[in-house]
């Protein structure tokens, strides 16, 4: 089975040194989505405006296969017809 590494960047980098053995790229993509959902559920209070988190999946040769980027943007509503980015 192929080995996949799930690396997290934002605030600090968390590199997956060991990796996970999964049967296919489709399984790795599914794991990525679940991992991102779990991370957001646990760490949402640490996601501050304009900070970006990335979760990347690489293969055993460290080739990038998938990436999810998470960015929180905050907007201030001036009136009901326009808004500006804060």
PDB file of N, CA and C in Angstrom:
ATOM      1  N   UNK A   1       0.842  -1.184   0.000  1.00  0.00           N
ATOM      2  CA  UNK A   1       0.000   0.000   0.000  1.00  0.00           C
ATOM      3  C   UNK A   1       0.884   1.243   0.000  1.00  0.00           C
ATOM      4  N   UNK A   2       0.439   2.289  -0.699  1.00  0.00           N
ATOM      5  CA  UNK A   2       1.205   3.543  -0.733  1.00  0.00           C
ATOM      6  C   UNK A   2       1.175   4.261   0.622  1.00  0.00           C
ATOM      7  N   UNK A   3       2.212   5.029   0.871  1.00  0.00           N
ATOM      8  CA  UNK A   3       2.327   5.817   2.089  1.00  0.00           C
ATOM      9  C   UNK A   3       2.008   7.280   1.778  1.00  0.00           C
ATOM     10  N   UNK A   4       1.209   7.900   2.635  1.00  0.00           N
ATOM     11  CA  UNK A   4       0.811   9.297   2.479  1.00  0.00           C
ATOM     12  C   UNK A   4       1.179  10.061   3.743  1.00  0.00           C
ATOM     13  N   UNK A   5       1.643  11.295   3.563  1.00  0.00           N
ATOM     14  CA  UNK A   5       2.012  12.157   4.679  1.00  0.00           C
ATOM     15  C   UNK A   5       1.037  13.326   4.737  1.00  0.00           C
ATOM     16  N   UNK A   6       0.531  13.621   5.941  1.00  0.00           N
ATOM     17  CA  UNK A   6      -0.431  14.696   6.171  1.00  0.00           C
ATOM     18  C   UNK A   6       0.274  15.783   6.978  1.00  0.00           C
ATOM     19  N   UNK A   7       0.608  16.890   6.336  1.00  0.00           N
ATOM     20  CA  UNK A   7       1.363  17.976   6.952  1.00  0.00           C
ATOM     21  C   UNK A   7       0.464  19.184   7.161  1.00  0.00           C
ATOM     22  N   UNK A   8       0.596  19.822   8.332  1.00  0.00           N
ATOM     23  CA  UNK A   8      -0.224  20.975   8.693  1.00  0.00           C
ATOM     24  C   UNK A   8       0.682  22.195   8.829  1.00  0.00           C
ATOM     25  N   UNK A   9       0.261  23.301   8.213  1.00  0.00           N
ATOM     26  CA  UNK A   9       1.008  24.561   8.277  1.00  0.00           C
ATOM     27  C   UNK A   9       0.065  25.664   8.720  1.00  0.00           C
ATOM     28  N   UNK A  10       0.517  26.470   9.655  1.00  0.00           N
ATOM     29  CA  UNK A  10      -0.261  27.577  10.180  1.00  0.00           C
ATOM     30  C   UNK A  10       0.138  27.772  11.624  1.00  0.00           C
ATOM     31  N   UNK A  11       0.555  28.949  11.976  1.00  0.00           N
ATOM     32  CA  UNK A  11       1.085  29.133  13.319  1.00  0.00           C
ATOM     33  C   UNK A  11       2.433  28.448  13.442  1.00  0.00           C
ATOM     34  N   UNK A  12       2.417  27.134  13.379  1.00  0.00           N
ATOM     35  CA  UNK A  12       3.649  26.343  13.333  1.00  0.00           C
ATOM     36  C   UNK A  12       3.417  25.174  12.385  1.00  0.00           C
ATOM     37  N   UNK A  13       4.491  24.595  11.908  1.00  0.00           N
ATOM     38  CA  UNK A  13       4.384  23.469  10.967  1.00  0.00           C
ATOM     39  C   UNK A  13       4.390  22.152  11.738  1.00  0.00           C
ATOM     40  N   UNK A  14       3.507  21.274  11.349  1.00  0.00           N
ATOM     41  CA  UNK A  14       3.471  19.928  11.903  1.00  0.00           C
ATOM     42  C   UNK A  14       3.681  18.965  10.743  1.00  0.00           C
ATOM     43  N   UNK A  15       4.872  18.413  10.668  1.00  0.00           N
ATOM     44  CA  UNK A  15       5.234  17.500   9.575  1.00  0.00           C
ATOM     45  C   UNK A  15       4.952  16.061  10.001  1.00  0.00           C
ATOM     46  N   UNK A  16       4.281  15.343   9.128  1.00  0.00           N
ATOM     47  CA  UNK A  16       3.976  13.926   9.340  1.00  0.00           C
ATOM     48  C   UNK A  16       5.180  13.112   8.868  1.00  0.00           C
ATOM     49  N   UNK A  17       6.033  12.712   9.778  1.00  0.00           N
ATOM     50  CA  UNK A  17       7.261  11.997   9.444  1.00  0.00           C
ATOM     51  C   UNK A  17       6.983  10.534   9.092  1.00  0.00           C
ATOM     52  N   UNK A  18       6.106   9.885   9.850  1.00  0.00           N
ATOM     53  CA  UNK A  18       5.843   8.457   9.652  1.00  0.00           C
ATOM     54  C   UNK A  18       4.949   8.170   8.457  1.00  0.00           C
ATOM     55  N   UNK A  19       3.933   8.977   8.270  1.00  0.00           N
ATOM     56  CA  UNK A  19       2.991   8.737   7.185  1.00  0.00           C
ATOM     57  C   UNK A  19       1.961   7.683   7.536  1.00  0.00           C
ATOM     58  N   UNK A  20       1.023   7.493   6.630  1.00  0.00           N
ATOM     59  CA  UNK A  20      -0.059   6.512   6.794  1.00  0.00           C
ATOM     60  C   UNK A  20      -0.150   5.653   5.545  1.00  0.00           C
ATOM     61  N   UNK A  21      -0.331   4.366   5.728  1.00  0.00           N
ATOM     62  CA  UNK A  21      -0.519   3.459   4.601  1.00  0.00           C
ATOM     63  C   UNK A  21      -1.994   3.425   4.245  1.00  0.00           C
ATOM     64  N   UNK A  22      -2.309   3.827   3.021  1.00  0.00           N
ATOM     65  CA  UNK A  22      -3.686   3.851   2.545  1.00  0.00           C
ATOM     66  C   UNK A  22      -3.740   3.195   1.176  1.00  0.00           C
ATOM     67  N   UNK A  23      -4.890   2.694   0.813  1.00  0.00           N
ATOM     68  CA  UNK A  23      -4.999   1.891  -0.405  1.00  0.00           C
ATOM     69  C   UNK A  23      -4.967   2.685  -1.704  1.00  0.00           C
ATOM     70  N   UNK A  24      -5.319   4.004  -1.651  1.00  0.00           N
ATOM     71  CA  UNK A  24      -5.404   4.765  -2.901  1.00  0.00           C
ATOM     72  C   UNK A  24      -5.389   6.267  -2.640  1.00  0.00           C
ATOM     73  N   UNK A  25      -5.233   7.028  -3.726  1.00  0.00           N
ATOM     74  CA  UNK A  25      -5.335   8.483  -3.621  1.00  0.00           C
ATOM     75  C   UNK A  25      -6.720   8.913  -3.147  1.00  0.00           C
ATOM     76  N   UNK A  26      -7.745   8.192  -3.560  1.00  0.00           N
ATOM     77  CA  UNK A  26      -9.109   8.507  -3.141  1.00  0.00           C
ATOM     78  C   UNK A  26      -9.252   8.366  -1.630  1.00  0.00           C
ATOM     79  N   UNK A  27      -8.633   7.330  -1.059  1.00  0.00           N
ATOM     80  CA  UNK A  27      -8.667   7.154   0.397  1.00  0.00           C
ATOM     81  C   UNK A  27      -7.904   8.279   1.088  1.00  0.00           C
ATOM     82  N   UNK A  28      -6.781   8.684   0.522  1.00  0.00           N
ATOM     83  CA  UNK A  28      -5.991   9.776   1.089  1.00  0.00           C
ATOM     84  C   UNK A  28      -6.788  11.083   1.061  1.00  0.00           C
ATOM     85  N   UNK A  29      -7.508  11.327  -0.034  1.00  0.00           N
ATOM     86  CA  UNK A  29      -8.321  12.531  -0.130  1.00  0.00           C
ATOM     87  C   UNK A  29      -9.438  12.504   0.912  1.00  0.00           C
ATOM     88  N   UNK A  30     -10.060  11.363   1.093  1.00  0.00           N
ATOM     89  CA  UNK A  30     -11.110  11.226   2.096  1.00  0.00           C
ATOM     90  C   UNK A  30     -10.555  11.462   3.501  1.00  0.00           C
ATOM     91  N   UNK A  31      -9.389  10.915   3.791  1.00  0.00           N
ATOM     92  CA  UNK A  31      -8.732  11.134   5.081  1.00  0.00           C
ATOM     93  C   UNK A  31      -8.409  12.613   5.284  1.00  0.00           C
ATOM     94  N   UNK A  32      -7.969  13.281   4.226  1.00  0.00           N
ATOM     95  CA  UNK A  32      -7.657  14.708   4.296  1.00  0.00           C
ATOM     96  C   UNK A  32      -8.888  15.510   4.699  1.00  0.00           C
ATOM     97  N   UNK A  33     -10.011  15.235   4.072  1.00  0.00           N
ATOM     98  CA  UNK A  33     -11.238  15.959   4.386  1.00  0.00           C
ATOM     99  C   UNK A  33     -11.669  15.726   5.826  1.00  0.00           C
ATOM    100  N   UNK A  34     -11.569  14.492   6.304  1.00  0.00           N
ATOM    101  CA  UNK A  34     -11.930  14.184   7.688  1.00  0.00           C
ATOM    102  C   UNK A  34     -10.961  14.857   8.660  1.00  0.00           C
ATOM    103  N   UNK A  35      -9.674  14.825   8.325  1.00  0.00           N
ATOM    104  CA  UNK A  35      -8.652  15.451   9.162  1.00  0.00           C
ATOM    105  C   UNK A  35      -8.897  16.949   9.272  1.00  0.00           C
ATOM    106  N   UNK A  36      -9.228  17.600   8.155  1.00  0.00           N
ATOM    107  CA  UNK A  36      -9.512  19.038   8.158  1.00  0.00           C
ATOM    108  C   UNK A  36     -10.733  19.346   9.020  1.00  0.00           C
ATOM    109  N   UNK A  37     -11.777  18.544   8.902  1.00  0.00           N
ATOM    110  CA  UNK A  37     -12.983  18.750   9.712  1.00  0.00           C
ATOM    111  C   UNK A  37     -12.662  18.592  11.194  1.00  0.00           C
ATOM    112  N   UNK A  38     -11.898  17.576  11.547  1.00  0.00           N
ATOM    113  CA  UNK A  38     -11.516  17.355  12.944  1.00  0.00           C
ATOM    114  C   UNK A  38     -10.652  18.501  13.462  1.00  0.00           C
ATOM    115  N   UNK A  39      -9.720  18.956  12.654  1.00  0.00           N
ATOM    116  CA  UNK A  39      -8.841  20.054  13.050  1.00  0.00           C
ATOM    117  C   UNK A  39      -9.640  21.333  13.295  1.00  0.00           C
ATOM    118  N   UNK A  40     -10.566  21.639  12.411  1.00  0.00           N
ATOM    119  CA  UNK A  40     -11.399  22.826  12.596  1.00  0.00           C
ATOM    120  C   UNK A  40     -12.253  22.721  13.852  1.00  0.00           C
ATOM    121  N   UNK A  41     -12.771  21.543  14.130  1.00  0.00           N
ATOM    122  CA  UNK A  41     -13.596  21.356  15.322  1.00  0.00           C
ATOM    123  C   UNK A  41     -12.771  21.561  16.593  1.00  0.00           C
ATOM    124  N   UNK A  42     -11.516  21.111  16.586  1.00  0.00           N
ATOM    125  CA  UNK A  42     -10.652  21.228  17.774  1.00  0.00           C
ATOM    126  C   UNK A  42     -10.009  22.601  17.910  1.00  0.00           C
ATOM    127  N   UNK A  43      -9.611  23.209  16.802  1.00  0.00           N
ATOM    128  CA  UNK A  43      -8.762  24.393  16.833  1.00  0.00           C
ATOM    129  C   UNK A  43      -9.449  25.668  16.368  1.00  0.00           C
ATOM    130  N   UNK A  44     -10.754  25.657  16.209  1.00  0.00           N
ATOM    131  CA  UNK A  44     -11.426  26.822  15.614  1.00  0.00           C
ATOM    132  C   UNK A  44     -11.214  28.094  16.417  1.00  0.00           C
ATOM    133  N   UNK A  45     -11.040  27.998  17.707  1.00  0.00           N
ATOM    134  CA  UNK A  45     -10.824  29.190  18.520  1.00  0.00           C
ATOM    135  C   UNK A  45      -9.446  29.798  18.262  1.00  0.00           C
ATOM    136  N   UNK A  46      -8.515  29.024  17.726  1.00  0.00           N
ATOM    137  CA  UNK A  46      -7.171  29.521  17.440  1.00  0.00           C
ATOM    138  C   UNK A  46      -7.034  30.075  16.028  1.00  0.00           C
ATOM    139  N   UNK A  47      -8.102  30.012  15.246  1.00  0.00           N
ATOM    140  CA  UNK A  47      -8.073  30.548  13.885  1.00  0.00           C
ATOM    141  C   UNK A  47      -8.449  32.018  13.958  1.00  0.00           C
ATOM    142  N   UNK A  48      -7.470  32.868  13.783  1.00  0.00           N
ATOM    143  CA  UNK A  48      -7.709  34.303  13.909  1.00  0.00           C
ATOM    144  C   UNK A  48      -7.792  34.930  12.518  1.00  0.00           C
ATOM    145  N   UNK A  49      -8.397  36.125  12.415  1.00  0.00           N
ATOM    146  CA  UNK A  49      -8.590  36.755  11.103  1.00  0.00           C
ATOM    147  C   UNK A  49      -7.297  36.873  10.300  1.00  0.00           C
ATOM    148  N   UNK A  50      -7.414  36.552   9.026  1.00  0.00           N
ATOM    149  CA  UNK A  50      -6.342  36.620   8.041  1.00  0.00           C
ATOM    150  C   UNK A  50      -5.209  35.623   8.282  1.00  0.00           C
ATOM    151  N   UNK A  51      -5.394  34.709   9.196  1.00  0.00           N
ATOM    152  CA  UNK A  51      -4.427  33.618   9.359  1.00  0.00           C
ATOM    153  C   UNK A  51      -4.802  32.520   8.378  1.00  0.00           C
ATOM    154  N   UNK A  52      -3.815  31.874   7.826  1.00  0.00           N
ATOM    155  CA  UNK A  52      -4.092  30.782   6.895  1.00  0.00           C
ATOM    156  C   UNK A  52      -3.524  29.484   7.443  1.00  0.00           C
ATOM    157  N   UNK A  53      -4.316  28.458   7.391  1.00  0.00           N
ATOM    158  CA  UNK A  53      -3.878  27.110   7.717  1.00  0.00           C
ATOM    159  C   UNK A  53      -3.901  26.312   6.431  1.00  0.00           C
ATOM    160  N   UNK A  54      -2.925  25.459   6.252  1.00  0.00           N
ATOM    161  CA  UNK A  54      -2.910  24.555   5.099  1.00  0.00           C
ATOM    162  C   UNK A  54      -2.669  23.144   5.606  1.00  0.00           C
ATOM    163  N   UNK A  55      -3.362  22.221   5.002  1.00  0.00           N
ATOM    164  CA  UNK A  55      -3.107  20.803   5.234  1.00  0.00           C
ATOM    165  C   UNK A  55      -2.752  20.223   3.875  1.00  0.00           C
ATOM    166  N   UNK A  56      -1.577  19.634   3.792  1.00  0.00           N
ATOM    167  CA  UNK A  56      -1.105  19.078   2.529  1.00  0.00           C
ATOM    168  C   UNK A  56      -0.890  17.578   2.666  1.00  0.00           C
ATOM    169  N   UNK A  57      -1.212  16.877   1.603  1.00  0.00           N
ATOM    170  CA  UNK A  57      -0.958  15.442   1.530  1.00  0.00           C
ATOM    171  C   UNK A  57       0.106  15.213   0.473  1.00  0.00           C
ATOM    172  N   UNK A  58       1.156  14.507   0.868  1.00  0.00           N
ATOM    173  CA  UNK A  58       2.217  14.154  -0.073  1.00  0.00           C
ATOM    174  C   UNK A  58       2.351  12.642  -0.141  1.00  0.00           C
ATOM    175  N   UNK A  59       2.970  12.176  -1.218  1.00  0.00           N
ATOM    176  CA  UNK A  59       3.238  10.744  -1.338  1.00  0.00           C
ATOM    177  C   UNK A  59       4.570  10.427  -0.667  1.00  0.00           C
ATOM    178  N   UNK A  60       5.034   9.182  -0.800  1.00  0.00           N
ATOM    179  CA  UNK A  60       6.272   8.762  -0.126  1.00  0.00           C
ATOM    180  C   UNK A  60       7.502   9.501  -0.626  1.00  0.00           C
ATOM    181  N   UNK A  61       7.426  10.083  -1.826  1.00  0.00           N
ATOM    182  CA  UNK A  61       8.542  10.866  -2.364  1.00  0.00           C
ATOM    183  C   UNK A  61       8.387  12.350  -2.048  1.00  0.00           C
ATOM    184  N   UNK A  62       7.366  12.692  -1.241  1.00  0.00           N
ATOM    185  CA  UNK A  62       7.057  14.064  -0.840  1.00  0.00           C
ATOM    186  C   UNK A  62       6.514  14.917  -1.987  1.00  0.00           C
ATOM    187  N   UNK A  63       5.957  14.267  -3.002  1.00  0.00           N
ATOM    188  CA  UNK A  63       5.255  14.993  -4.068  1.00  0.00           C
ATOM    189  C   UNK A  63       3.896  15.427  -3.537  1.00  0.00           C
ATOM    190  N   UNK A  64       3.546  16.701  -3.726  1.00  0.00           N
ATOM    191  CA  UNK A  64       2.266  17.224  -3.262  1.00  0.00           C
ATOM    192  C   UNK A  64       1.129  16.627  -4.077  1.00  0.00           C
ATOM    193  N   UNK A  65       0.151  16.043  -3.384  1.00  0.00           N
ATOM    194  CA  UNK A  65      -1.010  15.440  -4.046  1.00  0.00           C
ATOM    195  C   UNK A  65      -2.276  16.257  -3.838  1.00  0.00           C
ATOM    196  N   UNK A  66      -2.499  16.705  -2.603  1.00  0.00           N
ATOM    197  CA  UNK A  66      -3.708  17.459  -2.263  1.00  0.00           C
ATOM    198  C   UNK A  66      -3.346  18.558  -1.271  1.00  0.00           C
ATOM    199  N   UNK A  67      -4.132  19.638  -1.286  1.00  0.00           N
ATOM    200  CA  UNK A  67      -3.970  20.711  -0.302  1.00  0.00           C
ATOM    201  C   UNK A  67      -5.333  21.318   0.007  1.00  0.00           C
ATOM    202  N   UNK A  68      -5.575  21.541   1.274  1.00  0.00           N
ATOM    203  CA  UNK A  68      -6.731  22.319   1.716  1.00  0.00           C
ATOM    204  C   UNK A  68      -6.180  23.557   2.399  1.00  0.00           C
ATOM    205  N   UNK A  69      -6.673  24.732   1.988  1.00  0.00           N
ATOM    206  CA  UNK A  69      -6.297  25.988   2.616  1.00  0.00           C
ATOM    207  C   UNK A  69      -7.509  26.540   3.353  1.00  0.00           C
ATOM    208  N   UNK A  70      -7.283  26.991   4.580  1.00  0.00           N
ATOM    209  CA  UNK A  70      -8.352  27.538   5.413  1.00  0.00           C
ATOM    210  C   UNK A  70      -7.941  28.944   5.811  1.00  0.00           C
ATOM    211  N   UNK A  71      -8.794  29.918   5.491  1.00  0.00           N
ATOM    212  CA  UNK A  71      -8.506  31.310   5.799  1.00  0.00           C
ATOM    213  C   UNK A  71      -9.772  31.954   6.322  1.00  0.00           C
ATOM    214  N   UNK A  72      -9.659  32.631   7.445  1.00  0.00           N
ATOM    215  CA  UNK A  72     -10.797  33.340   8.018  1.00  0.00           C
ATOM    216  C   UNK A  72     -10.695  34.812   7.657  1.00  0.00           C
ATOM    217  N   UNK A  73     -11.682  35.318   6.927  1.00  0.00           N
ATOM    218  CA  UNK A  73     -11.753  36.739   6.596  1.00  0.00           C
ATOM    219  C   UNK A  73     -12.925  37.350   7.348  1.00  0.00           C
ATOM    220  N   UNK A  74     -12.708  38.525   7.916  1.00  0.00           N
ATOM    221  CA  UNK A  74     -13.750  39.222   8.667  1.00  0.00           C
ATOM    222  C   UNK A  74     -14.140  40.472   7.889  1.00  0.00           C
ATOM    223  N   UNK A  75     -15.425  40.710   7.745  1.00  0.00           N
ATOM    224  CA  UNK A  75     -15.934  41.853   6.999  1.00  0.00           C
ATOM    225  C   UNK A  75     -16.792  42.721   7.911  1.00  0.00           C
ATOM    226  N   UNK A  76     -16.712  44.025   7.713  1.00  0.00           N
ATOM    227  CA  UNK A  76     -17.527  44.978   8.459  1.00  0.00           C
ATOM    228  C   UNK A  76     -18.603  45.488   7.514  1.00  0.00           C
ATOM    229  N   UNK A  77     -19.838  45.378   7.926  1.00  0.00           N
ATOM    230  CA  UNK A  77     -20.954  45.848   7.104  1.00  0.00           C
ATOM    231  C   UNK A  77     -21.169  47.324   7.396  1.00  0.00           C
ATOM    232  N   UNK A  78     -21.055  48.156   6.335  1.00  0.00           N
ATOM    233  CA  UNK A  78     -21.259  49.594   6.463  1.00  0.00           C
ATOM    234  C   UNK A  78     -22.753  49.899   6.385  1.00  0.00           C
ATOM    235  N   UNK A  79     -23.409  49.366   5.392  1.00  0.00           N
ATOM    236  CA  UNK A  79     -24.857  49.419   5.293  1.00  0.00           C
ATOM    237  C   UNK A  79     -25.290  48.191   4.494  1.00  0.00           C
ATOM    238  N   UNK A  80     -26.556  48.061   4.246  1.00  0.00           N
ATOM    239  CA  UNK A  80     -27.049  46.853   3.610  1.00  0.00           C
ATOM    240  C   UNK A  80     -26.662  46.713   2.144  1.00  0.00           C
ATOM    241  N   UNK A  81     -26.080  47.754   1.527  1.00  0.00           N
ATOM    242  CA  UNK A  81     -25.750  47.707   0.113  1.00  0.00           C
ATOM    243  C   UNK A  81     -24.257  47.569  -0.155  1.00  0.00           C
ATOM    244  N   UNK A  82     -23.416  47.734   0.839  1.00  0.00           N
ATOM    245  CA  UNK A  82     -21.978  47.615   0.608  1.00  0.00           C
ATOM    246  C   UNK A  82     -21.290  47.081   1.853  1.00  0.00           C
ATOM    247  N   UNK A  83     -20.091  46.550   1.674  1.00  0.00           N
ATOM    248  CA  UNK A  83     -19.292  46.113   2.794  1.00  0.00           C
ATOM    249  C   UNK A  83     -17.818  46.359   2.465  1.00  0.00           C
ATOM    250  N   UNK A  84     -17.027  46.446   3.511  1.00  0.00           N
ATOM    251  CA  UNK A  84     -15.592  46.604   3.321  1.00  0.00           C
ATOM    252  C   UNK A  84     -14.876  45.520   4.107  1.00  0.00           C
ATOM    253  N   UNK A  85     -13.726  45.132   3.614  1.00  0.00           N
ATOM    254  CA  UNK A  85     -12.940  44.110   4.305  1.00  0.00           C
ATOM    255  C   UNK A  85     -12.194  44.769   5.453  1.00  0.00           C
ATOM    256  N   UNK A  86     -12.237  44.125   6.603  1.00  0.00           N
ATOM    257  CA  UNK A  86     -11.531  44.629   7.789  1.00  0.00           C
ATOM    258  C   UNK A  86     -10.171  43.991   7.895  1.00  0.00           C
TER     259      UNK A  86
END
